[in-house]
Amino acid sequence: LVMPLLVLWTDMVGLYGAMLVAKADLGISNRFFIEQM
């Protein structure tokens, strides 16, 4: 029961880290990243 919830949490923080690097290195805005995902 708890593993799927932990996987969703790990996915969320992982994508957040990827989004920060995408904005800093490639100039992709956070809004565009979230809309296109």
PDB file of all heavy atoms in Angstrom:
ATOM      1  N   LEU A   1       0.817  -1.220   0.000  1.00  0.00           N
ATOM      2  CA  LEU A   1       0.000   0.000   0.000  1.00  0.00           C
ATOM      3  C   LEU A   1       0.846   1.263   0.000  1.00  0.00           C
ATOM      4  O   LEU A   1       0.501   2.259  -0.654  1.00  0.00           O
ATOM      5  CB  LEU A   1      -0.925  -0.003   1.222  1.00  0.00           C
ATOM      6  CG  LEU A   1      -2.003  -1.090   1.254  1.00  0.00           C
ATOM      7  CD1 LEU A   1      -2.768  -1.027   2.565  1.00  0.00           C
ATOM      8  CD2 LEU A   1      -2.949  -0.962   0.071  1.00  0.00           C
ATOM      9  N   VAL A   2       1.959   1.250   0.732  1.00  0.00           N
ATOM     10  CA  VAL A   2       2.716   2.478   0.903  1.00  0.00           C
ATOM     11  C   VAL A   2       3.750   2.693  -0.198  1.00  0.00           C
ATOM     12  O   VAL A   2       4.122   3.837  -0.498  1.00  0.00           O
ATOM     13  CB  VAL A   2       3.407   2.473   2.293  1.00  0.00           C
ATOM     14  CG1 VAL A   2       4.667   1.603   2.296  1.00  0.00           C
ATOM     15  CG2 VAL A   2       3.751   3.891   2.722  1.00  0.00           C
ATOM     16  N   MET A   3       4.219   1.626  -0.842  1.00  0.00           N
ATOM     17  CA  MET A   3       5.246   1.788  -1.868  1.00  0.00           C
ATOM     18  C   MET A   3       4.786   2.631  -3.051  1.00  0.00           C
ATOM     19  O   MET A   3       5.554   3.482  -3.540  1.00  0.00           O
ATOM     20  CB  MET A   3       5.741   0.416  -2.333  1.00  0.00           C
ATOM     21  CG  MET A   3       6.820  -0.189  -1.461  1.00  0.00           C
ATOM     22  SD  MET A   3       8.421   0.627  -1.664  1.00  0.00           S
ATOM     23  CE  MET A   3       8.875   0.067  -3.298  1.00  0.00           C
ATOM     24  N   PRO A   4       3.571   2.431  -3.591  1.00  0.00           N
ATOM     25  CA  PRO A   4       3.144   3.323  -4.688  1.00  0.00           C
ATOM     26  C   PRO A   4       3.146   4.792  -4.301  1.00  0.00           C
ATOM     27  O   PRO A   4       3.503   5.661  -5.124  1.00  0.00           O
ATOM     28  CB  PRO A   4       1.727   2.825  -5.006  1.00  0.00           C
ATOM     29  CG  PRO A   4       1.717   1.402  -4.569  1.00  0.00           C
ATOM     30  CD  PRO A   4       2.591   1.366  -3.349  1.00  0.00           C
ATOM     31  N   LEU A   5       2.754   5.104  -3.061  1.00  0.00           N
ATOM     32  CA  LEU A   5       2.768   6.501  -2.621  1.00  0.00           C
ATOM     33  C   LEU A   5       4.191   7.032  -2.536  1.00  0.00           C
ATOM     34  O   LEU A   5       4.470   8.187  -2.899  1.00  0.00           O
ATOM     35  CB  LEU A   5       2.064   6.617  -1.264  1.00  0.00           C
ATOM     36  CG  LEU A   5       0.611   6.142  -1.211  1.00  0.00           C
ATOM     37  CD1 LEU A   5       0.056   6.263   0.200  1.00  0.00           C
ATOM     38  CD2 LEU A   5      -0.247   6.941  -2.193  1.00  0.00           C
ATOM     39  N   LEU A   6       5.108   6.205  -2.056  1.00  0.00           N
ATOM     40  CA  LEU A   6       6.512   6.624  -1.989  1.00  0.00           C
ATOM     41  C   LEU A   6       7.106   6.796  -3.383  1.00  0.00           C
ATOM     42  O   LEU A   6       7.932   7.692  -3.608  1.00  0.00           O
ATOM     43  CB  LEU A   6       7.319   5.597  -1.192  1.00  0.00           C
ATOM     44  CG  LEU A   6       6.972   5.466   0.289  1.00  0.00           C
ATOM     45  CD1 LEU A   6       7.810   4.367   0.942  1.00  0.00           C
ATOM     46  CD2 LEU A   6       7.186   6.791   1.020  1.00  0.00           C
ATOM     47  N   VAL A   7       6.682   5.956  -4.321  1.00  0.00           N
ATOM     48  CA  VAL A   7       7.152   6.102  -5.706  1.00  0.00           C
ATOM     49  C   VAL A   7       6.670   7.427  -6.293  1.00  0.00           C
ATOM     50  O   VAL A   7       7.432   8.145  -6.962  1.00  0.00           O
ATOM     51  CB  VAL A   7       6.671   4.910  -6.559  1.00  0.00           C
ATOM     52  CG1 VAL A   7       6.908   5.181  -8.049  1.00  0.00           C
ATOM     53  CG2 VAL A   7       7.385   3.634  -6.149  1.00  0.00           C
ATOM     54  N   LEU A   8       5.404   7.780  -6.043  1.00  0.00           N
ATOM     55  CA  LEU A   8       4.887   9.067  -6.531  1.00  0.00           C
ATOM     56  C   LEU A   8       5.660  10.234  -5.926  1.00  0.00           C
ATOM     57  O   LEU A   8       5.971  11.218  -6.617  1.00  0.00           O
ATOM     58  CB  LEU A   8       3.400   9.183  -6.193  1.00  0.00           C
ATOM     59  CG  LEU A   8       2.454   8.254  -6.961  1.00  0.00           C
ATOM     60  CD1 LEU A   8       1.037   8.396  -6.429  1.00  0.00           C
ATOM     61  CD2 LEU A   8       2.503   8.558  -8.451  1.00  0.00           C
ATOM     62  N   TRP A   9       5.988  10.133  -4.642  1.00  0.00           N
ATOM     63  CA  TRP A   9       6.766  11.199  -4.003  1.00  0.00           C
ATOM     64  C   TRP A   9       8.163  11.305  -4.613  1.00  0.00           C
ATOM     65  O   TRP A   9       8.652  12.406  -4.884  1.00  0.00           O
ATOM     66  CB  TRP A   9       6.853  10.939  -2.501  1.00  0.00           C
ATOM     67  CG  TRP A   9       7.708  11.927  -1.772  1.00  0.00           C
ATOM     68  CD1 TRP A   9       9.010  11.773  -1.393  1.00  0.00           C
ATOM     69  CD2 TRP A   9       7.330  13.238  -1.357  1.00  0.00           C
ATOM     70  NE1 TRP A   9       9.476  12.890  -0.752  1.00  0.00           N
ATOM     71  CE2 TRP A   9       8.466  13.816  -0.711  1.00  0.00           C
ATOM     72  CE3 TRP A   9       6.158  13.985  -1.444  1.00  0.00           C
ATOM     73  CZ2 TRP A   9       8.444  15.091  -0.174  1.00  0.00           C
ATOM     74  CZ3 TRP A   9       6.145  15.268  -0.906  1.00  0.00           C
ATOM     75  CH2 TRP A   9       7.274  15.800  -0.286  1.00  0.00           C
ATOM     76  N   THR A  10       8.813  10.174  -4.824  1.00  0.00           N
ATOM     77  CA  THR A  10      10.153  10.175  -5.425  1.00  0.00           C
ATOM     78  C   THR A  10      10.102  10.731  -6.845  1.00  0.00           C
ATOM     79  O   THR A  10      10.997  11.482  -7.263  1.00  0.00           O
ATOM     80  CB  THR A  10      10.732   8.750  -5.433  1.00  0.00           C
ATOM     81  OG1 THR A  10      10.697   8.207  -4.120  1.00  0.00           O
ATOM     82  CG2 THR A  10      12.167   8.750  -5.928  1.00  0.00           C
ATOM     83  N   ASP A  11       9.064  10.360  -7.605  1.00  0.00           N
ATOM     84  CA  ASP A  11       8.903  10.918  -8.950  1.00  0.00           C
ATOM     85  C   ASP A  11       8.776  12.434  -8.897  1.00  0.00           C
ATOM     86  O   ASP A  11       9.382  13.148  -9.714  1.00  0.00           O
ATOM     87  CB  ASP A  11       7.655  10.325  -9.621  1.00  0.00           C
ATOM     88  CG  ASP A  11       7.811   8.854  -9.936  1.00  0.00           C
ATOM     89  OD1 ASP A  11       8.955   8.363  -9.949  1.00  0.00           O
ATOM     90  OD2 ASP A  11       6.776   8.178 -10.166  1.00  0.00           O
ATOM     91  N   MET A  12       7.988  12.926  -7.951  1.00  0.00           N
ATOM     92  CA  MET A  12       7.740  14.367  -7.876  1.00  0.00           C
ATOM     93  C   MET A  12       9.021  15.137  -7.564  1.00  0.00           C
ATOM     94  O   MET A  12       9.351  16.115  -8.256  1.00  0.00           O
ATOM     95  CB  MET A  12       6.673  14.652  -6.817  1.00  0.00           C
ATOM     96  CG  MET A  12       6.288  16.124  -6.721  1.00  0.00           C
ATOM     97  SD  MET A  12       5.012  16.413  -5.471  1.00  0.00           S
ATOM     98  CE  MET A  12       5.920  16.034  -3.978  1.00  0.00           C
ATOM     99  N   VAL A  13       9.766  14.708  -6.552  1.00  0.00           N
ATOM    100  CA  VAL A  13      10.981  15.448  -6.198  1.00  0.00           C
ATOM    101  C   VAL A  13      12.053  15.252  -7.268  1.00  0.00           C
ATOM    102  O   VAL A  13      12.880  16.151  -7.511  1.00  0.00           O
ATOM    103  CB  VAL A  13      11.505  15.009  -4.812  1.00  0.00           C
ATOM    104  CG1 VAL A  13      10.512  15.372  -3.733  1.00  0.00           C
ATOM    105  CG2 VAL A  13      11.807  13.517  -4.769  1.00  0.00           C
ATOM    106  N   GLY A  14      12.064  14.086  -7.942  1.00  0.00           N
ATOM    107  CA  GLY A  14      13.017  13.878  -9.031  1.00  0.00           C
ATOM    108  C   GLY A  14      12.746  14.799 -10.203  1.00  0.00           C
ATOM    109  O   GLY A  14      13.663  15.398 -10.776  1.00  0.00           O
ATOM    110  N   LEU A  15      11.485  14.936 -10.574  1.00  0.00           N
ATOM    111  CA  LEU A  15      11.126  15.847 -11.660  1.00  0.00           C
ATOM    112  C   LEU A  15      11.384  17.298 -11.265  1.00  0.00           C
ATOM    113  O   LEU A  15      11.745  18.129 -12.123  1.00  0.00           O
ATOM    114  CB  LEU A  15       9.649  15.655 -12.033  1.00  0.00           C
ATOM    115  CG  LEU A  15       9.312  14.326 -12.711  1.00  0.00           C
ATOM    116  CD1 LEU A  15       7.806  14.215 -12.919  1.00  0.00           C
ATOM    117  CD2 LEU A  15      10.054  14.193 -14.036  1.00  0.00           C
ATOM    118  N   TYR A  16      11.204  17.621 -10.004  1.00  0.00           N
ATOM    119  CA  TYR A  16      11.494  18.982  -9.550  1.00  0.00           C
ATOM    120  C   TYR A  16      12.983  19.292  -9.710  1.00  0.00           C
ATOM    121  O   TYR A  16      13.350  20.379 -10.173  1.00  0.00           O
ATOM    122  CB  TYR A  16      11.069  19.140  -8.091  1.00  0.00           C
ATOM    123  CG  TYR A  16      11.331  20.512  -7.530  1.00  0.00           C
ATOM    124  CD1 TYR A  16      10.590  21.611  -7.943  1.00  0.00           C
ATOM    125  CD2 TYR A  16      12.334  20.703  -6.579  1.00  0.00           C
ATOM    126  CE1 TYR A  16      10.833  22.879  -7.434  1.00  0.00           C
ATOM    127  CE2 TYR A  16      12.593  21.959  -6.051  1.00  0.00           C
ATOM    128  CZ  TYR A  16      11.838  23.049  -6.488  1.00  0.00           C
ATOM    129  OH  TYR A  16      12.089  24.308  -5.986  1.00  0.00           O
ATOM    130  N   GLY A  17      13.836  18.337  -9.336  1.00  0.00           N
ATOM    131  CA  GLY A  17      15.276  18.547  -9.530  1.00  0.00           C
ATOM    132  C   GLY A  17      15.634  18.679 -10.994  1.00  0.00           C
ATOM    133  O   GLY A  17      16.464  19.529 -11.368  1.00  0.00           O
ATOM    134  N   ALA A  18      15.017  17.859 -11.854  1.00  0.00           N
ATOM    135  CA  ALA A  18      15.273  17.957 -13.291  1.00  0.00           C
ATOM    136  C   ALA A  18      14.784  19.296 -13.842  1.00  0.00           C
ATOM    137  O   ALA A  18      15.423  19.902 -14.721  1.00  0.00           O
ATOM    138  CB  ALA A  18      14.577  16.800 -14.016  1.00  0.00           C
ATOM    139  N   MET A  19      13.658  19.773 -13.325  1.00  0.00           N
ATOM    140  CA  MET A  19      13.108  21.047 -13.794  1.00  0.00           C
ATOM    141  C   MET A  19      14.025  22.212 -13.435  1.00  0.00           C
ATOM    142  O   MET A  19      14.215  23.141 -14.233  1.00  0.00           O
ATOM    143  CB  MET A  19      11.715  21.242 -13.187  1.00  0.00           C
ATOM    144  CG  MET A  19      10.994  22.484 -13.655  1.00  0.00           C
ATOM    145  SD  MET A  19       9.275  22.497 -13.067  1.00  0.00           S
ATOM    146  CE  MET A  19       9.535  22.475 -11.285  1.00  0.00           C
ATOM    147  N   LEU A  20      14.612  22.179 -12.247  1.00  0.00           N
ATOM    148  CA  LEU A  20      15.525  23.262 -11.852  1.00  0.00           C
ATOM    149  C   LEU A  20      16.752  23.302 -12.746  1.00  0.00           C
ATOM    150  O   LEU A  20      17.206  24.373 -13.163  1.00  0.00           O
ATOM    151  CB  LEU A  20      15.928  23.069 -10.389  1.00  0.00           C
ATOM    152  CG  LEU A  20      14.828  23.225  -9.339  1.00  0.00           C
ATOM    153  CD1 LEU A  20      15.410  23.035  -7.940  1.00  0.00           C
ATOM    154  CD2 LEU A  20      14.149  24.588  -9.460  1.00  0.00           C
ATOM    155  N   VAL A  21      17.329  22.147 -13.052  1.00  0.00           N
ATOM    156  CA  VAL A  21      18.507  22.109 -13.913  1.00  0.00           C
ATOM    157  C   VAL A  21      18.149  22.530 -15.333  1.00  0.00           C
ATOM    158  O   VAL A  21      18.926  23.230 -16.011  1.00  0.00           O
ATOM    159  CB  VAL A  21      19.130  20.692 -13.897  1.00  0.00           C
ATOM    160  CG1 VAL A  21      20.278  20.591 -14.883  1.00  0.00           C
ATOM    161  CG2 VAL A  21      19.601  20.340 -12.500  1.00  0.00           C
ATOM    162  N   ALA A  22      16.959  22.118 -15.817  1.00  0.00           N
ATOM    163  CA  ALA A  22      16.530  22.499 -17.166  1.00  0.00           C
ATOM    164  C   ALA A  22      16.390  24.022 -17.289  1.00  0.00           C
ATOM    165  O   ALA A  22      16.725  24.604 -18.328  1.00  0.00           O
ATOM    166  CB  ALA A  22      15.208  21.812 -17.501  1.00  0.00           C
ATOM    167  N   LYS A  23      15.924  24.654 -16.243  1.00  0.00           N
ATOM    168  CA  LYS A  23      15.786  26.108 -16.283  1.00  0.00           C
ATOM    169  C   LYS A  23      17.140  26.795 -16.183  1.00  0.00           C
ATOM    170  O   LYS A  23      17.411  27.773 -16.892  1.00  0.00           O
ATOM    171  CB  LYS A  23      14.889  26.568 -15.131  1.00  0.00           C
ATOM    172  CG  LYS A  23      14.671  28.074 -15.110  1.00  0.00           C
ATOM    173  CD  LYS A  23      13.744  28.490 -13.976  1.00  0.00           C
ATOM    174  CE  LYS A  23      13.535  29.996 -13.985  1.00  0.00           C
ATOM    175  NZ  LYS A  23      12.630  30.432 -12.888  1.00  0.00           N
ATOM    176  N   ALA A  24      18.029  26.254 -15.340  1.00  0.00           N
ATOM    177  CA  ALA A  24      19.323  26.897 -15.129  1.00  0.00           C
ATOM    178  C   ALA A  24      20.250  26.712 -16.320  1.00  0.00           C
ATOM    179  O   ALA A  24      20.961  27.658 -16.706  1.00  0.00           O
ATOM    180  CB  ALA A  24      19.976  26.335 -13.864  1.00  0.00           C
ATOM    181  N   ASP A  25      20.284  25.525 -16.925  1.00  0.00           N
ATOM    182  CA  ASP A  25      21.246  25.235 -17.996  1.00  0.00           C
ATOM    183  C   ASP A  25      20.672  25.424 -19.393  1.00  0.00           C
ATOM    184  O   ASP A  25      21.409  25.785 -20.319  1.00  0.00           O
ATOM    185  CB  ASP A  25      21.758  23.794 -17.865  1.00  0.00           C
ATOM    186  CG  ASP A  25      22.721  23.631 -16.702  1.00  0.00           C
ATOM    187  OD1 ASP A  25      22.958  24.632 -16.002  1.00  0.00           O
ATOM    188  OD2 ASP A  25      23.223  22.505 -16.492  1.00  0.00           O
ATOM    189  N   LEU A  26      19.382  25.151 -19.594  1.00  0.00           N
ATOM    190  CA  LEU A  26      18.805  25.184 -20.943  1.00  0.00           C
ATOM    191  C   LEU A  26      17.787  26.287 -21.130  1.00  0.00           C
ATOM    192  O   LEU A  26      17.253  26.458 -22.240  1.00  0.00           O
ATOM    193  CB  LEU A  26      18.151  23.821 -21.254  1.00  0.00           C
ATOM    194  CG  LEU A  26      19.093  22.610 -21.185  1.00  0.00           C
ATOM    195  CD1 LEU A  26      18.316  21.321 -21.446  1.00  0.00           C
ATOM    196  CD2 LEU A  26      20.232  22.750 -22.192  1.00  0.00           C
ATOM    197  N   GLY A  27      17.460  27.022 -20.081  1.00  0.00           N
ATOM    198  CA  GLY A  27      16.529  28.149 -20.207  1.00  0.00           C
ATOM    199  C   GLY A  27      15.084  27.738 -20.394  1.00  0.00           C
ATOM    200  O   GLY A  27      14.280  28.525 -20.913  1.00  0.00           O
ATOM    201  N   ILE A  28      14.723  26.537 -20.011  1.00  0.00           N
ATOM    202  CA  ILE A  28      13.339  26.063 -20.123  1.00  0.00           C
ATOM    203  C   ILE A  28      12.594  26.471 -18.856  1.00  0.00           C
ATOM    204  O   ILE A  28      12.983  26.102 -17.753  1.00  0.00           O
ATOM    205  CB  ILE A  28      13.283  24.537 -20.321  1.00  0.00           C
ATOM    206  CG1 ILE A  28      13.981  24.155 -21.633  1.00  0.00           C
ATOM    207  CG2 ILE A  28      11.857  24.027 -20.306  1.00  0.00           C
ATOM    208  CD1 ILE A  28      14.048  22.679 -21.884  1.00  0.00           C
ATOM    209  N   SER A  29      11.507  27.205 -19.003  1.00  0.00           N
ATOM    210  CA  SER A  29      10.788  27.716 -17.838  1.00  0.00           C
ATOM    211  C   SER A  29      10.071  26.576 -17.116  1.00  0.00           C
ATOM    212  O   SER A  29       9.734  25.534 -17.708  1.00  0.00           O
ATOM    213  CB  SER A  29       9.766  28.777 -18.269  1.00  0.00           C
ATOM    214  OG  SER A  29       8.757  28.193 -19.077  1.00  0.00           O
ATOM    215  N   ASN A  30       9.819  26.808 -15.849  1.00  0.00           N
ATOM    216  CA  ASN A  30       9.123  25.790 -15.050  1.00  0.00           C
ATOM    217  C   ASN A  30       7.704  25.556 -15.568  1.00  0.00           C
ATOM    218  O   ASN A  30       7.226  24.408 -15.591  1.00  0.00           O
ATOM    219  CB  ASN A  30       9.070  26.226 -13.585  1.00  0.00           C
ATOM    220  CG  ASN A  30      10.459  26.306 -12.962  1.00  0.00           C
ATOM    221  OD1 ASN A  30      11.416  25.745 -13.475  1.00  0.00           O
ATOM    222  ND2 ASN A  30      10.554  27.021 -11.847  1.00  0.00           N
ATOM    223  N   ARG A  31       7.043  26.607 -15.974  1.00  0.00           N
ATOM    224  CA  ARG A  31       5.669  26.462 -16.463  1.00  0.00           C
ATOM    225  C   ARG A  31       5.627  25.621 -17.730  1.00  0.00           C
ATOM    226  O   ARG A  31       4.774  24.738 -17.870  1.00  0.00           O
ATOM    227  CB  ARG A  31       5.065  27.844 -16.725  1.00  0.00           C
ATOM    228  CG  ARG A  31       3.623  27.799 -17.225  1.00  0.00           C
ATOM    229  CD  ARG A  31       3.059  29.202 -17.394  1.00  0.00           C
ATOM    230  NE  ARG A  31       1.687  29.151 -17.888  1.00  0.00           N
ATOM    231  CZ  ARG A  31       0.944  30.226 -18.104  1.00  0.00           C
ATOM    232  NH1 ARG A  31       1.440  31.444 -17.855  1.00  0.00           N
ATOM    233  NH2 ARG A  31      -0.293  30.098 -18.573  1.00  0.00           N
ATOM    234  N   PHE A  32       6.555  25.895 -18.655  1.00  0.00           N
ATOM    235  CA  PHE A  32       6.602  25.118 -19.893  1.00  0.00           C
ATOM    236  C   PHE A  32       6.938  23.649 -19.610  1.00  0.00           C
ATOM    237  O   PHE A  32       6.372  22.750 -20.224  1.00  0.00           O
ATOM    238  CB  PHE A  32       7.642  25.724 -20.840  1.00  0.00           C
ATOM    239  CG  PHE A  32       7.734  25.022 -22.163  1.00  0.00           C
ATOM    240  CD1 PHE A  32       6.793  25.261 -23.147  1.00  0.00           C
ATOM    241  CD2 PHE A  32       8.759  24.113 -22.420  1.00  0.00           C
ATOM    242  CE1 PHE A  32       6.879  24.616 -24.387  1.00  0.00           C
ATOM    243  CE2 PHE A  32       8.839  23.471 -23.637  1.00  0.00           C
ATOM    244  CZ  PHE A  32       7.897  23.723 -24.627  1.00  0.00           C
ATOM    245  N   PHE A  33       7.841  23.435 -18.670  1.00  0.00           N
ATOM    246  CA  PHE A  33       8.228  22.070 -18.302  1.00  0.00           C
ATOM    247  C   PHE A  33       7.012  21.300 -17.786  1.00  0.00           C
ATOM    248  O   PHE A  33       6.770  20.154 -18.189  1.00  0.00           O
ATOM    249  CB  PHE A  33       9.317  22.129 -17.236  1.00  0.00           C
ATOM    250  CG  PHE A  33       9.995  20.813 -16.960  1.00  0.00           C
ATOM    251  CD1 PHE A  33      11.227  20.525 -17.504  1.00  0.00           C
ATOM    252  CD2 PHE A  33       9.390  19.855 -16.151  1.00  0.00           C
ATOM    253  CE1 PHE A  33      11.864  19.315 -17.256  1.00  0.00           C
ATOM    254  CE2 PHE A  33      10.006  18.651 -15.888  1.00  0.00           C
ATOM    255  CZ  PHE A  33      11.247  18.370 -16.446  1.00  0.00           C
ATOM    256  N   ILE A  34       6.224  21.940 -16.911  1.00  0.00           N
ATOM    257  CA  ILE A  34       5.071  21.267 -16.313  1.00  0.00           C
ATOM    258  C   ILE A  34       3.977  21.035 -17.358  1.00  0.00           C
ATOM    259  O   ILE A  34       3.327  19.979 -17.375  1.00  0.00           O
ATOM    260  CB  ILE A  34       4.530  22.097 -15.132  1.00  0.00           C
ATOM    261  CG1 ILE A  34       5.581  22.165 -14.025  1.00  0.00           C
ATOM    262  CG2 ILE A  34       3.230  21.511 -14.602  1.00  0.00           C
ATOM    263  CD1 ILE A  34       5.205  23.097 -12.886  1.00  0.00           C
ATOM    264  N   GLU A  35       3.763  22.007 -18.260  1.00  0.00           N
ATOM    265  CA  GLU A  35       2.714  21.866 -19.269  1.00  0.00           C
ATOM    266  C   GLU A  35       3.044  20.789 -20.293  1.00  0.00           C
ATOM    267  O   GLU A  35       2.160  20.061 -20.749  1.00  0.00           O
ATOM    268  CB  GLU A  35       2.488  23.203 -19.975  1.00  0.00           C
ATOM    269  CG  GLU A  35       1.836  24.262 -19.086  1.00  0.00           C
ATOM    270  CD  GLU A  35       1.700  25.595 -19.793  1.00  0.00           C
ATOM    271  OE1 GLU A  35       2.287  25.729 -20.900  1.00  0.00           O
ATOM    272  OE2 GLU A  35       1.016  26.485 -19.260  1.00  0.00           O
ATOM    273  N   GLN A  36       4.306  20.674 -20.659  1.00  0.00           N
ATOM    274  CA  GLN A  36       4.700  19.725 -21.700  1.00  0.00           C
ATOM    275  C   GLN A  36       4.900  18.304 -21.175  1.00  0.00           C
ATOM    276  O   GLN A  36       4.895  17.367 -21.966  1.00  0.00           O
ATOM    277  CB  GLN A  36       6.002  20.202 -22.358  1.00  0.00           C
ATOM    278  CG  GLN A  36       5.840  21.421 -23.230  1.00  0.00           C
ATOM    279  CD  GLN A  36       4.896  21.155 -24.396  1.00  0.00           C
ATOM    280  OE1 GLN A  36       5.029  20.169 -25.111  1.00  0.00           O
ATOM    281  NE2 GLN A  36       3.926  22.050 -24.576  1.00  0.00           N
ATOM    282  N   MET A  37       5.055  18.148 -19.864  1.00  0.00           N
ATOM    283  CA  MET A  37       5.318  16.813 -19.319  1.00  0.00           C
ATOM    284  C   MET A  37       4.228  15.802 -19.686  1.00  0.00           C
ATOM    285  O   MET A  37       4.524  14.731 -20.224  1.00  0.00           O
ATOM    286  CB  MET A  37       5.494  16.895 -17.800  1.00  0.00           C
ATOM    287  CG  MET A  37       5.684  15.553 -17.115  1.00  0.00           C
ATOM    288  SD  MET A  37       7.183  14.698 -17.643  1.00  0.00           S
ATOM    289  CE  MET A  37       8.420  15.825 -17.025  1.00  0.00           C
TER     290      MET A  37
END
